[in-house]
Amino acid sequence: MEPVTLTTDRLVLRAVGPQDTEAVYAACQDADIQRWTTIPSPYLPEHARGFTEQMVPDGWANDSMFTFGLFLPAGDLVGMLGVTMISLGVGEIGFWGAKEHRGRGHVTEAAVAVARWAFTDRAVDRLEWRAEVGNTASRAVAQRAGFTMEGTLRSGINNQGTRRDCWIGSLLPSDLSLPSTSPYLPAQT
């Protein structure tokens, strides 16, 4: 599909491209982004070019990964958020916030907007969030966006060639008062 642009009260969410390579490279020099995400470390200019010029457009083109740069109206990059399709109707959300823009709720705002878009326009019925155990900032964003924490997966992610335990949470359309595209029968307790 062609990339879409979403807007919130404070942000423009759009696919990044070659014009954003330097901003992506600069943001990804942050030690916390390199520590808690699965981007290469050290993060080199060629990594940023590959991301903005190949990975992002290819993901949109083959409907496998929908990546949005989070921008202020003035054009400053405040973060990145993507939904990777992992099975029919199920996407995994991932995000990071640029160091100088953290703590302002931008990523939470973007996560809710992209979730609404995924549920209504992409027939997603479940969004999963995962983060390495200890990444409390990511967990806080997910919880503020409405994700339900479901537990800990042993050896659930691979970061820099090392298997690590991760937290997992989910968001369903009903959590945002939206209909699902397929029936859901919760367990009876």
C-alpha atoms as a PDB file:
ATOM      1  CA  MET A   1       0.000   0.000   0.000  1.00  0.00           C
ATOM      2  CA  GLU A   2       0.996   3.601  -0.325  1.00  0.00           C
ATOM      3  CA  PRO A   3       2.135   5.247   2.926  1.00  0.00           C
ATOM      4  CA  VAL A   4      -0.475   7.255   4.790  1.00  0.00           C
ATOM      5  CA  THR A   5      -0.123  10.367   6.893  1.00  0.00           C
ATOM      6  CA  LEU A   6      -1.974  10.662  10.180  1.00  0.00           C
ATOM      7  CA  THR A   7      -2.344  13.714  12.379  1.00  0.00           C
ATOM      8  CA  THR A   8      -3.018  14.151  16.077  1.00  0.00           C
ATOM      9  CA  ASP A   9      -3.513  17.297  18.106  1.00  0.00           C
ATOM     10  CA  ARG A  10       0.252  17.884  18.222  1.00  0.00           C
ATOM     11  CA  LEU A  11       1.882  15.582  15.668  1.00  0.00           C
ATOM     12  CA  VAL A  12       2.171  14.652  12.028  1.00  0.00           C
ATOM     13  CA  LEU A  13       2.785  10.921  11.582  1.00  0.00           C
ATOM     14  CA  ARG A  14       4.245  10.036   8.209  1.00  0.00           C
ATOM     15  CA  ALA A  15       6.594   7.602   6.558  1.00  0.00           C
ATOM     16  CA  VAL A  16      10.218   8.662   6.771  1.00  0.00           C
ATOM     17  CA  GLY A  17      12.253   8.984   3.598  1.00  0.00           C
ATOM     18  CA  PRO A  18      15.688  10.069   2.407  1.00  0.00           C
ATOM     19  CA  GLN A  19      15.030  13.632   3.607  1.00  0.00           C
ATOM     20  CA  ASP A  20      14.855  12.274   7.176  1.00  0.00           C
ATOM     21  CA  THR A  21      18.028  10.172   7.156  1.00  0.00           C
ATOM     22  CA  GLU A  22      20.149  12.673   9.089  1.00  0.00           C
ATOM     23  CA  ALA A  23      17.484  13.198  11.760  1.00  0.00           C
ATOM     24  CA  VAL A  24      17.040   9.422  12.207  1.00  0.00           C
ATOM     25  CA  TYR A  25      20.808   8.946  12.422  1.00  0.00           C
ATOM     26  CA  ALA A  26      21.168  11.724  14.998  1.00  0.00           C
ATOM     27  CA  ALA A  27      18.324  10.439  17.184  1.00  0.00           C
ATOM     28  CA  CYS A  28      19.656   6.882  17.092  1.00  0.00           C
ATOM     29  CA  GLN A  29      22.982   7.967  18.591  1.00  0.00           C
ATOM     30  CA  ASP A  30      21.181   8.015  21.950  1.00  0.00           C
ATOM     31  CA  ALA A  31      22.498   5.267  24.228  1.00  0.00           C
ATOM     32  CA  ASP A  32      18.994   4.437  25.513  1.00  0.00           C
ATOM     33  CA  ILE A  33      17.613   3.849  22.009  1.00  0.00           C
ATOM     34  CA  GLN A  34      20.579   1.616  21.216  1.00  0.00           C
ATOM     35  CA  ARG A  35      20.234  -0.228  24.535  1.00  0.00           C
ATOM     36  CA  TRP A  36      16.503  -0.893  24.541  1.00  0.00           C
ATOM     37  CA  THR A  37      15.664  -1.349  20.854  1.00  0.00           C
ATOM     38  CA  THR A  38      16.941  -3.806  18.297  1.00  0.00           C
ATOM     39  CA  ILE A  39      18.596  -1.211  16.042  1.00  0.00           C
ATOM     40  CA  PRO A  40      22.255  -1.879  15.225  1.00  0.00           C
ATOM     41  CA  SER A  41      24.794  -0.644  17.736  1.00  0.00           C
ATOM     42  CA  PRO A  42      26.867   1.295  16.967  1.00  0.00           C
ATOM     43  CA  TYR A  43      24.316   2.958  14.696  1.00  0.00           C
ATOM     44  CA  LEU A  44      26.066   4.126  11.532  1.00  0.00           C
ATOM     45  CA  PRO A  45      24.971   6.495   8.725  1.00  0.00           C
ATOM     46  CA  GLU A  46      24.459   3.513   6.402  1.00  0.00           C
ATOM     47  CA  HIS A  47      21.989   2.025   8.898  1.00  0.00           C
ATOM     48  CA  ALA A  48      19.912   5.210   8.774  1.00  0.00           C
ATOM     49  CA  ARG A  49      20.065   5.259   4.959  1.00  0.00           C
ATOM     50  CA  GLY A  50      18.991   1.618   4.727  1.00  0.00           C
ATOM     51  CA  PHE A  51      16.115   2.305   7.106  1.00  0.00           C
ATOM     52  CA  THR A  52      14.765   5.451   5.410  1.00  0.00           C
ATOM     53  CA  GLU A  53      15.506   4.467   1.805  1.00  0.00           C
ATOM     54  CA  GLN A  54      14.776   0.731   1.787  1.00  0.00           C
ATOM     55  CA  MET A  55      13.265  -0.776   4.940  1.00  0.00           C
ATOM     56  CA  VAL A  56      10.475   1.764   5.428  1.00  0.00           C
ATOM     57  CA  PRO A  57       9.342   1.969   1.764  1.00  0.00           C
ATOM     58  CA  ASP A  58       9.583  -1.820   1.338  1.00  0.00           C
ATOM     59  CA  GLY A  59       7.472  -2.407   4.458  1.00  0.00           C
ATOM     60  CA  TRP A  60       4.722  -0.130   3.166  1.00  0.00           C
ATOM     61  CA  ALA A  61       4.925  -1.587  -0.351  1.00  0.00           C
ATOM     62  CA  ASN A  62       4.466  -5.196   0.760  1.00  0.00           C
ATOM     63  CA  ASP A  63       2.068  -4.493   3.679  1.00  0.00           C
ATOM     64  CA  SER A  64       4.459  -6.076   6.184  1.00  0.00           C
ATOM     65  CA  MET A  65       5.580  -3.060   8.252  1.00  0.00           C
ATOM     66  CA  PHE A  66       3.961   0.345   8.607  1.00  0.00           C
ATOM     67  CA  THR A  67       6.516   2.799   9.953  1.00  0.00           C
ATOM     68  CA  PHE A  68       5.705   6.358  10.968  1.00  0.00           C
ATOM     69  CA  GLY A  69       8.077   9.147  11.882  1.00  0.00           C
ATOM     70  CA  LEU A  70       6.555  11.307  14.624  1.00  0.00           C
ATOM     71  CA  PHE A  71       7.019  14.953  13.732  1.00  0.00           C
ATOM     72  CA  LEU A  72       6.063  18.253  15.308  1.00  0.00           C
ATOM     73  CA  PRO A  73       4.344  20.609  12.841  1.00  0.00           C
ATOM     74  CA  ALA A  74       7.618  22.571  12.637  1.00  0.00           C
ATOM     75  CA  GLY A  75       9.294  19.424  11.288  1.00  0.00           C
ATOM     76  CA  ASP A  76      11.288  18.197  14.309  1.00  0.00           C
ATOM     77  CA  LEU A  77      11.524  14.393  14.575  1.00  0.00           C
ATOM     78  CA  VAL A  78      10.268  13.408  18.037  1.00  0.00           C
ATOM     79  CA  GLY A  79      10.177   9.647  17.599  1.00  0.00           C
ATOM     80  CA  MET A  80       9.489   6.604  15.491  1.00  0.00           C
ATOM     81  CA  LEU A  81       6.660   4.090  15.627  1.00  0.00           C
ATOM     82  CA  GLY A  82       5.988   1.025  13.548  1.00  0.00           C
ATOM     83  CA  VAL A  83       3.513  -1.819  13.281  1.00  0.00           C
ATOM     84  CA  THR A  84       4.969  -5.059  11.957  1.00  0.00           C
ATOM     85  CA  MET A  85       2.449  -7.649  10.817  1.00  0.00           C
ATOM     86  CA  ILE A  86       3.262 -10.935  12.555  1.00  0.00           C
ATOM     87  CA  SER A  87       0.227 -13.038  11.547  1.00  0.00           C
ATOM     88  CA  LEU A  88      -3.219 -12.603  10.021  1.00  0.00           C
ATOM     89  CA  GLY A  89      -4.889  -9.743  11.896  1.00  0.00           C
ATOM     90  CA  VAL A  90      -2.055  -9.399  14.424  1.00  0.00           C
ATOM     91  CA  GLY A  91       0.541  -6.636  14.441  1.00  0.00           C
ATOM     92  CA  GLU A  92       3.394  -5.846  16.792  1.00  0.00           C
ATOM     93  CA  ILE A  93       3.928  -2.210  17.711  1.00  0.00           C
ATOM     94  CA  GLY A  94       7.343  -0.794  18.470  1.00  0.00           C
ATOM     95  CA  PHE A  95       8.472   2.744  19.161  1.00  0.00           C
ATOM     96  CA  TRP A  96      11.150   5.067  20.464  1.00  0.00           C
ATOM     97  CA  GLY A  97      11.228   8.709  21.452  1.00  0.00           C
ATOM     98  CA  ALA A  98      14.016  11.136  20.671  1.00  0.00           C
ATOM     99  CA  LYS A  99      15.878  12.015  23.855  1.00  0.00           C
ATOM    100  CA  GLU A 100      15.134  15.741  23.804  1.00  0.00           C
ATOM    101  CA  HIS A 101      11.385  15.145  23.334  1.00  0.00           C
ATOM    102  CA  ARG A 102      10.760  12.424  25.934  1.00  0.00           C
ATOM    103  CA  GLY A 103       8.290  12.857  28.767  1.00  0.00           C
ATOM    104  CA  ARG A 104       5.788  14.923  26.803  1.00  0.00           C
ATOM    105  CA  GLY A 105       3.367  12.157  25.815  1.00  0.00           C
ATOM    106  CA  HIS A 106       4.156  12.298  22.097  1.00  0.00           C
ATOM    107  CA  VAL A 107       4.777   8.567  21.695  1.00  0.00           C
ATOM    108  CA  THR A 108       1.645   7.651  23.653  1.00  0.00           C
ATOM    109  CA  GLU A 109      -0.407  10.030  21.508  1.00  0.00           C
ATOM    110  CA  ALA A 110       1.049   8.492  18.354  1.00  0.00           C
ATOM    111  CA  ALA A 111       0.539   4.926  19.586  1.00  0.00           C
ATOM    112  CA  VAL A 112      -3.174   5.517  20.133  1.00  0.00           C
ATOM    113  CA  ALA A 113      -3.568   7.181  16.719  1.00  0.00           C
ATOM    114  CA  VAL A 114      -1.731   4.392  14.896  1.00  0.00           C
ATOM    115  CA  ALA A 115      -3.657   1.721  16.817  1.00  0.00           C
ATOM    116  CA  ARG A 116      -6.955   3.308  15.755  1.00  0.00           C
ATOM    117  CA  TRP A 117      -5.722   3.391  12.152  1.00  0.00           C
ATOM    118  CA  ALA A 118      -4.556  -0.247  12.284  1.00  0.00           C
ATOM    119  CA  PHE A 119      -7.863  -1.416  13.753  1.00  0.00           C
ATOM    120  CA  THR A 120     -10.064   0.533  11.329  1.00  0.00           C
ATOM    121  CA  ASP A 121      -8.043   0.623   8.094  1.00  0.00           C
ATOM    122  CA  ARG A 122      -5.810  -2.475   8.217  1.00  0.00           C
ATOM    123  CA  ALA A 123      -8.194  -5.068   9.727  1.00  0.00           C
ATOM    124  CA  VAL A 124      -5.888  -5.625  12.697  1.00  0.00           C
ATOM    125  CA  ASP A 125      -7.702  -7.302  15.601  1.00  0.00           C
ATOM    126  CA  ARG A 126      -4.795  -7.493  18.053  1.00  0.00           C
ATOM    127  CA  LEU A 127      -1.769  -5.281  18.571  1.00  0.00           C
ATOM    128  CA  GLU A 128       1.058  -6.731  20.623  1.00  0.00           C
ATOM    129  CA  TRP A 129       3.721  -4.725  22.406  1.00  0.00           C
ATOM    130  CA  ARG A 130       6.949  -6.283  23.625  1.00  0.00           C
ATOM    131  CA  ALA A 131       9.877  -4.786  25.468  1.00  0.00           C
ATOM    132  CA  GLU A 132      12.850  -6.210  27.255  1.00  0.00           C
ATOM    133  CA  VAL A 133      12.208  -6.672  30.957  1.00  0.00           C
ATOM    134  CA  GLY A 134      13.494  -3.507  32.634  1.00  0.00           C
ATOM    135  CA  ASN A 135      12.454  -1.071  29.892  1.00  0.00           C
ATOM    136  CA  THR A 136      10.060   0.741  32.191  1.00  0.00           C
ATOM    137  CA  ALA A 137       9.738   3.786  29.915  1.00  0.00           C
ATOM    138  CA  SER A 138       8.383   1.671  27.059  1.00  0.00           C
ATOM    139  CA  ARG A 139       6.066  -0.170  29.432  1.00  0.00           C
ATOM    140  CA  ALA A 140       4.706   3.141  30.745  1.00  0.00           C
ATOM    141  CA  VAL A 141       3.943   4.331  27.206  1.00  0.00           C
ATOM    142  CA  ALA A 142       2.167   1.058  26.386  1.00  0.00           C
ATOM    143  CA  GLN A 143       0.097   1.207  29.561  1.00  0.00           C
ATOM    144  CA  ARG A 144      -0.863   4.857  29.000  1.00  0.00           C
ATOM    145  CA  ALA A 145      -1.927   3.903  25.438  1.00  0.00           C
ATOM    146  CA  GLY A 146      -4.274   1.272  26.909  1.00  0.00           C
ATOM    147  CA  PHE A 147      -2.308  -1.956  26.474  1.00  0.00           C
ATOM    148  CA  THR A 148      -3.056  -4.746  28.929  1.00  0.00           C
ATOM    149  CA  MET A 149       0.070  -6.345  30.353  1.00  0.00           C
ATOM    150  CA  GLU A 150      -0.130 -10.093  29.777  1.00  0.00           C
ATOM    151  CA  GLY A 151       3.098 -11.341  31.312  1.00  0.00           C
ATOM    152  CA  THR A 152       6.726 -12.141  30.693  1.00  0.00           C
ATOM    153  CA  LEU A 153       8.026 -14.262  27.827  1.00  0.00           C
ATOM    154  CA  ARG A 154      11.222 -16.111  28.631  1.00  0.00           C
ATOM    155  CA  SER A 155      13.786 -15.620  25.870  1.00  0.00           C
ATOM    156  CA  GLY A 156      11.114 -13.627  24.044  1.00  0.00           C
ATOM    157  CA  ILE A 157      13.314 -11.251  22.048  1.00  0.00           C
ATOM    158  CA  ASN A 158      16.726 -11.213  20.473  1.00  0.00           C
ATOM    159  CA  ASN A 159      18.681  -8.021  21.128  1.00  0.00           C
ATOM    160  CA  GLN A 160      22.190  -7.736  19.705  1.00  0.00           C
ATOM    161  CA  GLY A 161      22.487 -11.518  19.356  1.00  0.00           C
ATOM    162  CA  THR A 162      21.417 -12.282  22.930  1.00  0.00           C
ATOM    163  CA  ARG A 163      18.070 -13.838  23.846  1.00  0.00           C
ATOM    164  CA  ARG A 164      16.343 -11.812  26.545  1.00  0.00           C
ATOM    165  CA  ASP A 165      13.146 -12.040  28.560  1.00  0.00           C
ATOM    166  CA  CYS A 166      10.473  -9.574  27.553  1.00  0.00           C
ATOM    167  CA  TRP A 167       7.201  -8.187  28.760  1.00  0.00           C
ATOM    168  CA  ILE A 168       4.206  -8.575  26.477  1.00  0.00           C
ATOM    169  CA  GLY A 169       1.005  -6.607  26.321  1.00  0.00           C
ATOM    170  CA  SER A 170      -1.923  -6.372  23.959  1.00  0.00           C
ATOM    171  CA  LEU A 171      -4.442  -3.870  22.722  1.00  0.00           C
ATOM    172  CA  LEU A 172      -7.727  -4.944  21.123  1.00  0.00           C
ATOM    173  CA  PRO A 173     -10.143  -2.800  19.123  1.00  0.00           C
ATOM    174  CA  SER A 174     -12.664  -3.069  21.964  1.00  0.00           C
ATOM    175  CA  ASP A 175     -10.120  -1.406  24.281  1.00  0.00           C
ATOM    176  CA  LEU A 176     -10.578   1.718  22.151  1.00  0.00           C
ATOM    177  CA  SER A 177     -14.357   1.219  21.749  1.00  0.00           C
ATOM    178  CA  LEU A 178     -13.913   0.006  18.162  1.00  0.00           C
ATOM    179  CA  PRO A 179     -15.404  -3.098  16.529  1.00  0.00           C
ATOM    180  CA  SER A 180     -13.272  -6.128  15.623  1.00  0.00           C
ATOM    181  CA  THR A 181     -13.231  -7.525  12.103  1.00  0.00           C
ATOM    182  CA  SER A 182     -13.618 -11.069  13.419  1.00  0.00           C
ATOM    183  CA  PRO A 183     -15.522 -12.514  16.378  1.00  0.00           C
ATOM    184  CA  TYR A 184     -13.706 -12.761  19.707  1.00  0.00           C
ATOM    185  CA  LEU A 185     -14.712 -15.222  22.401  1.00  0.00           C
ATOM    186  CA  PRO A 186     -12.852 -14.437  25.660  1.00  0.00           C
ATOM    187  CA  ALA A 187     -12.112 -17.276  28.077  1.00  0.00           C
ATOM    188  CA  GLN A 188     -14.792 -17.858  30.666  1.00  0.00           C
ATOM    189  CA  THR A 189     -13.376 -17.632  34.180  1.00  0.00           C
END
